[in-house]
Amino acid sequence: MTAILKEKKGEIIKKFRVNKNDTGSAEVQVALLTERIKDLSLHLKTHKKDFHSRLGLLKMVSRRKKLLSYLKNEDYDKYKKLIKSLKLRK
């Protein structure tokens, strides 16, 4: 990872963490996956035949969907707050 991506990752973790030592909660994982999905989507717009990256994108989307489903079942208020802050749904 480049220094820019590490800084971006650190900012995302700080924004979505539950406590000061949190790096792996569902909220943080979903936020990080969302950022990676956005970056990879931009990559795939220019490289239409990059099927290996497309498979990785599909796996990331699936993982994010599972994490969001888990969060929705565990704490609906946190789920709604996360969805709103990441602008994932209407």
C-alpha atoms as a PDB file:
ATOM      1  CA  MET A   1       0.000   0.000   0.000  1.00  0.00           C
ATOM      2  CA  THR A   2       1.161   3.489  -0.703  1.00  0.00           C
ATOM      3  CA  ALA A   3       1.406   6.162   1.964  1.00  0.00           C
ATOM      4  CA  ILE A   4      -1.707   7.891   0.628  1.00  0.00           C
ATOM      5  CA  LEU A   5      -3.798   4.749   0.964  1.00  0.00           C
ATOM      6  CA  LYS A   6      -2.501   4.157   4.497  1.00  0.00           C
ATOM      7  CA  GLU A   7      -3.452   7.705   5.485  1.00  0.00           C
ATOM      8  CA  LYS A   8      -6.895   7.269   3.946  1.00  0.00           C
ATOM      9  CA  LYS A   9      -7.312   3.955   5.762  1.00  0.00           C
ATOM     10  CA  GLY A  10      -6.311   5.572   9.051  1.00  0.00           C
ATOM     11  CA  GLU A  11      -8.841   8.357   8.559  1.00  0.00           C
ATOM     12  CA  ILE A  12     -11.615   5.864   7.823  1.00  0.00           C
ATOM     13  CA  ILE A  13     -10.742   3.812  10.917  1.00  0.00           C
ATOM     14  CA  LYS A  14     -10.753   6.946  13.100  1.00  0.00           C
ATOM     15  CA  LYS A  15     -14.123   8.007  11.731  1.00  0.00           C
ATOM     16  CA  PHE A  16     -15.957   4.695  12.146  1.00  0.00           C
ATOM     17  CA  ARG A  17     -14.302   3.043  15.151  1.00  0.00           C
ATOM     18  CA  VAL A  18     -16.340   2.179  18.233  1.00  0.00           C
ATOM     19  CA  ASN A  19     -13.546   2.808  20.760  1.00  0.00           C
ATOM     20  CA  LYS A  20      -9.968   4.066  20.511  1.00  0.00           C
ATOM     21  CA  ASN A  21      -8.421   0.595  20.021  1.00  0.00           C
ATOM     22  CA  ASP A  22     -11.004  -0.598  17.509  1.00  0.00           C
ATOM     23  CA  THR A  23      -9.797  -1.615  14.053  1.00  0.00           C
ATOM     24  CA  GLY A  24     -11.918  -4.659  13.260  1.00  0.00           C
ATOM     25  CA  SER A  25     -15.525  -3.929  14.163  1.00  0.00           C
ATOM     26  CA  ALA A  26     -18.176  -4.504  11.533  1.00  0.00           C
ATOM     27  CA  GLU A  27     -18.606  -0.757  11.009  1.00  0.00           C
ATOM     28  CA  VAL A  28     -14.901  -0.246  10.278  1.00  0.00           C
ATOM     29  CA  GLN A  29     -14.753  -3.271   7.997  1.00  0.00           C
ATOM     30  CA  VAL A  30     -17.765  -2.097   5.985  1.00  0.00           C
ATOM     31  CA  ALA A  31     -16.322   1.407   5.644  1.00  0.00           C
ATOM     32  CA  LEU A  32     -12.944   0.070   4.460  1.00  0.00           C
ATOM     33  CA  LEU A  33     -14.575  -2.321   2.008  1.00  0.00           C
ATOM     34  CA  THR A  34     -16.747   0.490   0.656  1.00  0.00           C
ATOM     35  CA  GLU A  35     -13.677   2.619  -0.038  1.00  0.00           C
ATOM     36  CA  ARG A  36     -11.894  -0.271  -1.769  1.00  0.00           C
ATOM     37  CA  ILE A  37     -15.021  -1.028  -3.819  1.00  0.00           C
ATOM     38  CA  LYS A  38     -15.189   2.593  -4.979  1.00  0.00           C
ATOM     39  CA  ASP A  39     -11.532   2.569  -6.014  1.00  0.00           C
ATOM     40  CA  LEU A  40     -11.823  -0.746  -7.818  1.00  0.00           C
ATOM     41  CA  SER A  41     -14.984   0.380  -9.613  1.00  0.00           C
ATOM     42  CA  LEU A  42     -13.098   3.359 -11.002  1.00  0.00           C
ATOM     43  CA  HIS A  43     -10.298   1.038 -12.122  1.00  0.00           C
ATOM     44  CA  LEU A  44     -12.741  -1.258 -13.892  1.00  0.00           C
ATOM     45  CA  LYS A  45     -14.334   1.625 -15.785  1.00  0.00           C
ATOM     46  CA  THR A  46     -11.047   2.181 -17.610  1.00  0.00           C
ATOM     47  CA  HIS A  47      -9.916  -1.466 -17.751  1.00  0.00           C
ATOM     48  CA  LYS A  48     -13.043  -3.250 -18.918  1.00  0.00           C
ATOM     49  CA  LYS A  49     -11.367  -6.608 -19.566  1.00  0.00           C
ATOM     50  CA  ASP A  50      -9.678  -6.955 -16.164  1.00  0.00           C
ATOM     51  CA  PHE A  51     -11.648 -10.000 -15.080  1.00  0.00           C
ATOM     52  CA  HIS A  52      -9.388 -10.891 -12.141  1.00  0.00           C
ATOM     53  CA  SER A  53     -10.078  -7.533 -10.516  1.00  0.00           C
ATOM     54  CA  ARG A  54     -13.764  -7.899 -11.331  1.00  0.00           C
ATOM     55  CA  LEU A  55     -13.866 -11.179  -9.413  1.00  0.00           C
ATOM     56  CA  GLY A  56     -12.171  -9.488  -6.467  1.00  0.00           C
ATOM     57  CA  LEU A  57     -14.754  -6.716  -6.622  1.00  0.00           C
ATOM     58  CA  LEU A  58     -17.606  -9.214  -6.523  1.00  0.00           C
ATOM     59  CA  LYS A  59     -16.054 -10.933  -3.506  1.00  0.00           C
ATOM     60  CA  MET A  60     -15.687  -7.601  -1.700  1.00  0.00           C
ATOM     61  CA  VAL A  61     -19.300  -6.657  -2.429  1.00  0.00           C
ATOM     62  CA  SER A  62     -20.446 -10.039  -1.125  1.00  0.00           C
ATOM     63  CA  ARG A  63     -18.382  -9.674   2.052  1.00  0.00           C
ATOM     64  CA  ARG A  64     -19.756  -6.168   2.645  1.00  0.00           C
ATOM     65  CA  LYS A  65     -23.293  -7.454   2.148  1.00  0.00           C
ATOM     66  CA  LYS A  66     -22.741 -10.181   4.751  1.00  0.00           C
ATOM     67  CA  LEU A  67     -21.262  -7.711   7.244  1.00  0.00           C
ATOM     68  CA  LEU A  68     -24.171  -5.316   6.725  1.00  0.00           C
ATOM     69  CA  SER A  69     -26.634  -8.154   7.221  1.00  0.00           C
ATOM     70  CA  TYR A  70     -24.887  -9.101  10.457  1.00  0.00           C
ATOM     71  CA  LEU A  71     -24.920  -5.508  11.671  1.00  0.00           C
ATOM     72  CA  LYS A  72     -28.591  -5.120  10.741  1.00  0.00           C
ATOM     73  CA  ASN A  73     -29.493  -8.172  12.827  1.00  0.00           C
ATOM     74  CA  GLU A  74     -27.315  -7.177  15.804  1.00  0.00           C
ATOM     75  CA  ASP A  75     -27.928  -3.435  16.114  1.00  0.00           C
ATOM     76  CA  TYR A  76     -30.352  -1.822  13.689  1.00  0.00           C
ATOM     77  CA  ASP A  77     -29.595   1.734  14.844  1.00  0.00           C
ATOM     78  CA  LYS A  78     -25.863   1.345  14.122  1.00  0.00           C
ATOM     79  CA  TYR A  79     -26.763  -0.174  10.755  1.00  0.00           C
ATOM     80  CA  LYS A  80     -28.964   2.776   9.772  1.00  0.00           C
ATOM     81  CA  LYS A  81     -26.326   5.268  10.939  1.00  0.00           C
ATOM     82  CA  LEU A  82     -23.610   3.495   8.929  1.00  0.00           C
ATOM     83  CA  ILE A  83     -25.744   3.263   5.790  1.00  0.00           C
ATOM     84  CA  LYS A  84     -26.525   6.977   6.042  1.00  0.00           C
ATOM     85  CA  SER A  85     -22.925   8.038   6.626  1.00  0.00           C
ATOM     86  CA  LEU A  86     -21.569   5.890   3.758  1.00  0.00           C
ATOM     87  CA  LYS A  87     -24.478   6.866   1.448  1.00  0.00           C
ATOM     88  CA  LEU A  88     -25.014   3.254   0.404  1.00  0.00           C
ATOM     89  CA  ARG A  89     -28.795   3.278   0.091  1.00  0.00           C
ATOM     90  CA  LYS A  90     -31.550   5.835  -0.262  1.00  0.00           C
END
